[in-house]
N, C-alpha and C. Protein backbone atom coordinates (compact mmCIF):
# COMPACT_ATOMS: atom_id res chain seq x y z
N MET A 1 24.31 17.47 -19.84
CA MET A 1 24.32 16.78 -18.59
C MET A 1 22.81 17.27 -17.64
N HIS A 2 22.63 18.39 -17.68
CA HIS A 2 21.17 18.81 -16.77
C HIS A 2 20.11 18.23 -17.60
N VAL A 3 20.15 17.85 -19.00
CA VAL A 3 18.88 17.38 -19.95
C VAL A 3 18.91 16.04 -19.42
N ILE A 4 19.91 15.36 -19.41
CA ILE A 4 20.09 13.78 -19.17
C ILE A 4 19.60 13.58 -17.72
N LEU A 5 19.80 14.38 -16.89
CA LEU A 5 19.36 14.25 -15.57
C LEU A 5 18.04 14.41 -15.41
N ALA A 6 17.36 15.60 -15.94
CA ALA A 6 16.15 15.90 -15.96
C ALA A 6 15.09 14.64 -16.71
N LEU A 7 15.82 14.32 -18.01
CA LEU A 7 15.02 13.06 -18.53
C LEU A 7 15.01 11.85 -17.64
N GLY A 8 16.21 11.64 -17.09
CA GLY A 8 15.83 10.59 -16.02
C GLY A 8 15.11 10.58 -14.77
N LEU A 9 15.03 11.74 -14.31
CA LEU A 9 14.19 12.02 -13.23
C LEU A 9 12.77 11.88 -13.72
N GLY A 10 12.49 12.32 -14.87
CA GLY A 10 11.27 12.46 -15.29
C GLY A 10 10.66 10.82 -15.56
N LEU A 11 11.38 10.24 -15.88
CA LEU A 11 11.37 8.61 -16.01
C LEU A 11 11.03 7.98 -14.97
N VAL A 12 11.74 8.38 -13.93
CA VAL A 12 11.51 7.73 -12.55
C VAL A 12 10.08 8.14 -12.13
N VAL A 13 9.86 9.56 -11.93
CA VAL A 13 8.45 10.13 -11.25
C VAL A 13 7.54 9.31 -12.44
N ALA A 14 7.62 9.26 -13.72
CA ALA A 14 6.48 8.87 -14.51
C ALA A 14 6.15 7.40 -14.52
N GLY A 15 7.21 6.79 -13.57
CA GLY A 15 7.22 5.23 -13.50
C GLY A 15 6.29 5.05 -12.21
N CYS A 16 5.96 5.95 -11.37
CA CYS A 16 5.20 5.58 -10.27
C CYS A 16 3.71 5.75 -10.11
N ALA A 17 3.06 5.02 -9.53
CA ALA A 17 1.77 5.01 -9.30
C ALA A 17 1.24 4.49 -7.86
N SER A 18 0.11 4.98 -7.39
CA SER A 18 -0.22 4.68 -5.96
C SER A 18 -1.69 4.70 -5.88
N VAL A 19 -2.46 3.65 -5.24
CA VAL A 19 -3.97 3.83 -5.12
C VAL A 19 -4.26 3.32 -3.76
N GLY A 20 -5.10 3.75 -3.08
CA GLY A 20 -5.54 3.71 -1.72
C GLY A 20 -5.44 4.77 -0.61
N ASN A 21 -5.18 4.49 0.47
CA ASN A 21 -5.22 5.44 1.57
C ASN A 21 -3.72 5.79 1.76
N GLU A 22 -3.54 6.89 1.21
CA GLU A 22 -2.28 7.66 1.46
C GLU A 22 -1.51 7.80 2.82
N SER A 23 -2.37 7.79 3.77
CA SER A 23 -1.74 7.67 5.16
C SER A 23 -1.18 6.32 5.43
N LEU A 24 -1.07 5.57 4.73
CA LEU A 24 -0.39 4.15 5.00
C LEU A 24 0.78 4.06 4.36
N ARG A 25 1.27 4.98 3.24
CA ARG A 25 2.08 5.14 2.28
C ARG A 25 3.40 4.98 3.02
N HIS A 26 3.47 5.61 4.11
CA HIS A 26 4.95 6.00 5.22
C HIS A 26 4.86 5.38 6.20
N LEU A 27 3.51 4.62 6.64
CA LEU A 27 3.36 4.15 7.80
C LEU A 27 4.05 2.56 8.08
N THR A 28 4.80 2.61 9.18
CA THR A 28 5.66 1.12 9.63
C THR A 28 4.57 0.71 10.65
N ARG A 29 5.14 -0.46 11.01
CA ARG A 29 4.45 -1.31 11.98
C ARG A 29 4.71 -0.61 13.47
N GLU A 30 5.90 -0.10 13.67
CA GLU A 30 6.12 0.70 14.98
C GLU A 30 5.55 1.83 15.21
N GLY A 31 5.25 2.60 13.74
CA GLY A 31 4.32 3.79 13.62
C GLY A 31 2.98 3.48 14.11
N LEU A 32 2.43 2.35 13.61
CA LEU A 32 1.12 2.03 13.95
C LEU A 32 0.80 1.83 15.55
N GLU A 33 1.85 0.97 15.99
CA GLU A 33 1.71 0.52 17.23
C GLU A 33 1.70 1.70 18.16
N SER A 34 2.56 2.86 17.85
CA SER A 34 2.54 3.99 18.65
C SER A 34 1.19 4.62 18.64
N GLN A 35 0.43 4.50 17.86
CA GLN A 35 -0.76 5.17 17.60
C GLN A 35 -1.92 4.53 18.26
N LEU A 36 -1.72 3.28 18.29
CA LEU A 36 -3.12 2.45 18.79
C LEU A 36 -2.85 1.81 20.38
N GLU A 37 -3.96 1.64 20.97
CA GLU A 37 -3.67 0.84 22.34
C GLU A 37 -5.12 -0.04 22.33
N ASN A 38 -5.15 -1.34 22.25
CA ASN A 38 -6.23 -2.16 22.40
C ASN A 38 -6.91 -1.71 23.72
N GLY A 39 -8.04 -1.59 23.57
CA GLY A 39 -9.04 -1.33 24.87
C GLY A 39 -9.22 -0.01 25.24
N LYS A 40 -8.56 0.94 24.25
CA LYS A 40 -8.40 2.39 24.72
C LYS A 40 -8.70 3.48 23.45
N THR A 41 -8.10 2.86 22.28
CA THR A 41 -8.23 3.44 20.91
C THR A 41 -9.82 3.45 20.41
N THR A 42 -10.42 4.48 20.43
CA THR A 42 -11.77 4.60 19.77
C THR A 42 -12.05 4.69 18.00
N LYS A 43 -12.84 4.48 17.48
CA LYS A 43 -12.84 4.51 16.17
C LYS A 43 -12.70 6.05 15.76
N GLU A 44 -13.08 6.85 16.58
CA GLU A 44 -12.69 8.32 15.96
C GLU A 44 -11.18 8.57 16.21
N ASP A 45 -10.44 8.07 17.29
CA ASP A 45 -9.02 8.01 17.05
C ASP A 45 -8.40 7.42 16.04
N VAL A 46 -8.83 6.17 15.55
CA VAL A 46 -8.20 5.81 14.48
C VAL A 46 -8.83 6.67 13.12
N ARG A 47 -9.84 7.16 13.06
CA ARG A 47 -10.40 7.99 11.93
C ARG A 47 -9.50 9.27 11.80
N VAL A 48 -9.27 9.95 12.97
CA VAL A 48 -8.54 10.98 12.77
C VAL A 48 -6.89 10.59 12.39
N ALA A 49 -6.38 9.58 12.81
CA ALA A 49 -4.95 8.76 12.50
C ALA A 49 -4.73 8.68 10.78
N LEU A 50 -5.91 7.73 10.46
CA LEU A 50 -5.70 7.11 9.30
C LEU A 50 -6.76 7.35 8.19
N GLY A 51 -7.96 8.37 8.78
CA GLY A 51 -9.01 8.65 7.63
C GLY A 51 -10.10 7.52 7.68
N ASP A 52 -10.74 7.72 6.63
CA ASP A 52 -11.91 6.88 6.64
C ASP A 52 -11.34 5.11 6.03
N PRO A 53 -11.98 4.16 6.44
CA PRO A 53 -11.43 2.91 6.24
C PRO A 53 -11.98 2.72 4.53
N ASN A 54 -11.14 1.84 3.96
CA ASN A 54 -11.38 1.37 2.56
C ASN A 54 -12.64 0.28 2.59
N THR A 55 -12.83 -0.20 3.72
CA THR A 55 -13.78 -1.20 3.71
C THR A 55 -14.20 -1.24 5.26
N THR A 56 -15.32 -1.57 5.38
CA THR A 56 -15.88 -2.07 6.73
C THR A 56 -16.72 -3.50 6.67
N ASP A 57 -16.49 -4.32 7.54
CA ASP A 57 -17.16 -5.42 7.83
C ASP A 57 -17.61 -5.74 9.22
N PHE A 58 -18.44 -6.61 9.25
CA PHE A 58 -18.89 -7.04 10.57
C PHE A 58 -18.91 -8.27 11.09
N THR A 59 -18.56 -8.81 12.17
CA THR A 59 -18.44 -10.19 12.41
C THR A 59 -19.69 -10.49 13.00
N ASP A 60 -19.94 -12.00 13.20
CA ASP A 60 -21.40 -12.62 13.40
C ASP A 60 -21.78 -12.05 14.74
N GLY A 61 -20.58 -11.55 15.53
CA GLY A 61 -20.89 -11.15 17.16
C GLY A 61 -21.01 -9.68 17.09
N GLY A 62 -21.21 -9.03 16.08
CA GLY A 62 -21.43 -7.71 16.04
C GLY A 62 -20.39 -6.88 16.09
N ASN A 63 -19.02 -7.35 16.09
CA ASN A 63 -17.88 -6.59 16.18
C ASN A 63 -17.81 -5.93 14.62
N GLU A 64 -17.00 -5.05 14.59
CA GLU A 64 -16.60 -3.96 13.54
C GLU A 64 -15.21 -4.27 13.09
N ILE A 65 -15.02 -4.56 11.69
CA ILE A 65 -13.64 -4.50 11.13
C ILE A 65 -13.30 -3.48 10.11
N TRP A 66 -12.37 -2.77 10.26
CA TRP A 66 -12.24 -1.77 9.40
C TRP A 66 -10.80 -2.16 8.69
N LYS A 67 -10.82 -1.77 7.30
CA LYS A 67 -9.59 -2.17 6.68
C LYS A 67 -9.24 -1.11 5.90
N TYR A 68 -7.94 -0.88 5.86
CA TYR A 68 -7.15 0.08 4.99
C TYR A 68 -6.13 -0.65 4.35
N ARG A 69 -5.85 -0.04 3.12
CA ARG A 69 -5.23 -0.38 2.01
C ARG A 69 -4.45 0.47 1.11
N HIS A 70 -3.15 0.20 0.53
CA HIS A 70 -2.52 1.00 -0.02
C HIS A 70 -1.30 0.28 -1.05
N VAL A 71 -1.66 0.76 -2.23
CA VAL A 71 -0.77 -0.17 -3.21
C VAL A 71 0.10 0.81 -3.99
N ARG A 72 1.22 0.72 -3.87
CA ARG A 72 2.36 1.46 -4.78
C ARG A 72 3.07 0.66 -5.83
N THR A 73 3.04 0.97 -6.97
CA THR A 73 3.94 0.34 -8.17
C THR A 73 4.94 1.12 -8.67
N GLN A 74 6.10 0.79 -9.07
CA GLN A 74 6.87 1.56 -9.62
C GLN A 74 7.50 0.63 -10.81
N ALA A 75 7.61 1.26 -12.05
CA ALA A 75 7.95 0.98 -13.22
C ALA A 75 9.64 0.31 -12.94
N LYS A 76 9.76 -0.94 -13.80
CA LYS A 76 11.16 -1.35 -13.72
C LYS A 76 11.98 -0.44 -14.55
N VAL A 77 13.00 -0.20 -14.68
CA VAL A 77 14.02 0.61 -15.53
C VAL A 77 14.00 0.08 -16.97
N GLU A 78 13.98 -1.00 -17.19
CA GLU A 78 14.07 -1.83 -18.38
C GLU A 78 12.73 -1.35 -19.25
N ASN A 79 11.50 -1.07 -18.84
CA ASN A 79 10.38 -0.87 -19.52
C ASN A 79 10.68 0.71 -20.24
N PHE A 80 11.84 1.24 -19.81
CA PHE A 80 12.08 2.44 -20.73
C PHE A 80 13.19 2.55 -21.53
N ILE A 81 13.66 1.26 -21.78
CA ILE A 81 14.60 0.85 -22.96
C ILE A 81 14.12 0.34 -24.03
N PRO A 82 13.80 0.82 -25.32
CA PRO A 82 13.55 0.18 -26.63
C PRO A 82 13.92 -1.23 -26.74
N VAL A 83 13.12 -1.80 -27.28
CA VAL A 83 13.38 -3.18 -27.59
C VAL A 83 13.38 -4.23 -26.42
N VAL A 84 14.27 -3.80 -25.21
CA VAL A 84 13.99 -4.50 -23.97
C VAL A 84 12.91 -4.50 -23.35
N ASP A 85 12.15 -3.39 -23.40
CA ASP A 85 10.88 -3.34 -22.78
C ASP A 85 9.87 -4.66 -23.35
N LEU A 86 10.06 -4.71 -24.78
CA LEU A 86 9.35 -5.61 -25.35
C LEU A 86 9.43 -7.01 -24.95
N LEU A 87 10.58 -7.32 -24.65
CA LEU A 87 11.18 -8.64 -24.13
C LEU A 87 10.91 -8.74 -22.63
N ALA A 88 11.28 -7.98 -21.83
CA ALA A 88 11.08 -8.21 -20.46
C ALA A 88 11.02 -6.87 -19.72
N SER A 89 9.89 -6.72 -19.20
CA SER A 89 9.54 -5.47 -18.55
C SER A 89 8.64 -5.73 -17.32
N GLY A 90 8.10 -4.88 -16.54
CA GLY A 90 7.52 -4.87 -15.19
C GLY A 90 7.63 -4.18 -14.28
N GLN A 91 6.74 -4.43 -12.96
CA GLN A 91 6.71 -3.25 -12.08
C GLN A 91 7.20 -3.91 -10.63
N ASP A 92 7.63 -3.16 -9.74
CA ASP A 92 7.66 -3.62 -8.46
C ASP A 92 6.54 -3.14 -7.83
N VAL A 93 5.77 -3.76 -6.96
CA VAL A 93 4.66 -3.58 -6.24
C VAL A 93 4.68 -3.83 -4.75
N THR A 94 4.45 -2.62 -4.11
CA THR A 94 4.28 -2.59 -2.62
C THR A 94 2.88 -2.43 -1.96
N THR A 95 2.54 -3.54 -1.15
CA THR A 95 1.01 -3.53 -0.69
C THR A 95 0.85 -3.35 0.68
N LYS A 96 0.33 -2.57 1.24
CA LYS A 96 0.14 -2.32 2.67
C LYS A 96 -1.26 -2.60 3.23
N GLU A 97 -1.76 -3.35 4.22
CA GLU A 97 -3.06 -3.49 4.53
C GLU A 97 -2.89 -3.42 6.05
N VAL A 98 -3.99 -2.81 6.64
CA VAL A 98 -4.05 -2.75 8.18
C VAL A 98 -5.46 -3.01 8.28
N ALA A 99 -5.55 -4.09 9.42
CA ALA A 99 -7.16 -4.26 9.64
C ALA A 99 -7.25 -4.05 11.14
N LEU A 100 -8.42 -3.56 11.64
CA LEU A 100 -8.68 -3.00 13.00
C LEU A 100 -9.82 -3.85 13.37
N PHE A 101 -9.84 -4.55 14.68
CA PHE A 101 -11.16 -4.89 15.10
C PHE A 101 -11.68 -4.21 16.18
N PHE A 102 -12.85 -3.79 16.09
CA PHE A 102 -13.45 -2.96 17.15
C PHE A 102 -14.73 -3.76 17.91
N ASP A 103 -14.75 -3.52 19.22
CA ASP A 103 -15.93 -4.33 19.77
C ASP A 103 -17.10 -3.29 19.83
N GLN A 104 -18.11 -3.79 20.48
CA GLN A 104 -19.63 -3.10 20.16
C GLN A 104 -19.46 -1.78 20.85
N ASP A 105 -18.55 -1.58 21.75
CA ASP A 105 -18.41 -0.18 22.28
C ASP A 105 -17.63 0.62 21.50
N GLY A 106 -17.21 0.28 20.30
CA GLY A 106 -16.31 1.19 19.38
C GLY A 106 -15.22 1.20 20.03
N LEU A 107 -14.49 0.32 20.99
CA LEU A 107 -13.15 0.33 21.34
C LEU A 107 -12.18 -0.55 20.59
N LEU A 108 -10.96 -0.43 20.19
CA LEU A 108 -10.20 -1.17 19.37
C LEU A 108 -9.82 -2.40 20.44
N ARG A 109 -10.17 -3.73 19.54
CA ARG A 109 -9.84 -4.92 20.43
C ARG A 109 -8.35 -5.59 20.08
N ASN A 110 -7.89 -5.34 18.72
CA ASN A 110 -7.10 -5.79 17.95
C ASN A 110 -6.67 -5.40 16.62
N TYR A 111 -5.53 -5.54 16.06
CA TYR A 111 -5.06 -4.95 14.81
C TYR A 111 -4.21 -5.64 14.24
N SER A 112 -3.69 -5.83 12.95
CA SER A 112 -2.87 -6.19 12.11
C SER A 112 -2.32 -5.48 10.98
N MET A 113 -1.01 -5.59 10.69
CA MET A 113 -0.69 -4.89 9.49
C MET A 113 0.29 -5.90 8.67
N ILE A 114 0.17 -5.78 7.32
CA ILE A 114 1.03 -6.51 6.36
C ILE A 114 1.67 -5.77 5.25
N GLU A 115 2.87 -5.97 5.07
CA GLU A 115 3.40 -5.12 4.23
C GLU A 115 3.95 -6.50 3.04
N VAL A 116 3.51 -6.25 1.96
CA VAL A 116 4.12 -7.24 0.89
C VAL A 116 4.64 -6.25 -0.16
N GLU A 117 6.05 -7.10 -0.61
CA GLU A 117 6.80 -6.59 -1.83
C GLU A 117 7.04 -7.68 -2.77
N ASP A 118 6.19 -7.38 -3.77
CA ASP A 118 6.26 -8.03 -4.99
C ASP A 118 6.90 -7.47 -6.31
N GLU A 119 6.63 -8.29 -7.37
CA GLU A 119 7.25 -7.89 -8.52
C GLU A 119 6.16 -8.58 -9.62
N VAL A 120 5.81 -7.55 -10.54
CA VAL A 120 4.98 -8.33 -11.69
C VAL A 120 5.81 -8.31 -13.06
N ARG A 121 6.19 -9.02 -13.55
CA ARG A 121 6.98 -9.30 -14.79
C ARG A 121 5.85 -9.36 -15.96
N THR A 122 6.37 -8.66 -17.10
CA THR A 122 5.60 -8.65 -18.47
C THR A 122 6.83 -8.79 -19.57
N GLY A 123 6.31 -9.02 -20.75
CA GLY A 123 7.19 -8.97 -21.90
C GLY A 123 7.16 -10.37 -22.59
N LEU A 124 7.78 -10.68 -23.44
CA LEU A 124 7.71 -11.86 -24.36
C LEU A 124 8.56 -12.83 -23.75
N ILE A 125 9.58 -12.62 -22.93
CA ILE A 125 10.55 -13.44 -22.58
C ILE A 125 9.59 -14.14 -20.99
N THR A 126 9.21 -13.41 -20.20
CA THR A 126 8.57 -13.79 -19.09
C THR A 126 7.07 -14.48 -19.43
N ALA A 127 6.49 -13.92 -20.32
CA ALA A 127 5.04 -14.53 -20.79
C ALA A 127 5.25 -15.79 -21.17
N ASN A 128 6.42 -16.42 -21.66
CA ASN A 128 6.37 -17.60 -22.26
C ASN A 128 7.14 -18.52 -20.73
N MET A 129 7.45 -17.88 -19.83
CA MET A 129 8.12 -18.74 -18.61
C MET A 129 6.79 -19.41 -17.93
């Protein structure tokens, strides 16, 4: 019984991967709102809370946009079943993105957060659909 439990746990752990800013992994919209205040939060405050941004852009008006991204994938159970994985396999994908807009004084003016849960299907059955 312990061997089966250990193998099952190993498959679940082996089926996970993430990329991007790990501070977003467990971040909720409410958690983000509690850390940020438009007109008062500085770039340094954000850097302490979330780390360095994945990308930085500038608007025509000289304002700065910081973007954070985290993607987590989890392999579907059928990926680990012989023959079934050839026919229908895939991954659950969760993507979180945060965009923060700073004025020329380095103060937060606006921000947004999106979280998208999706599924990627692979295998012979889904490839032909």
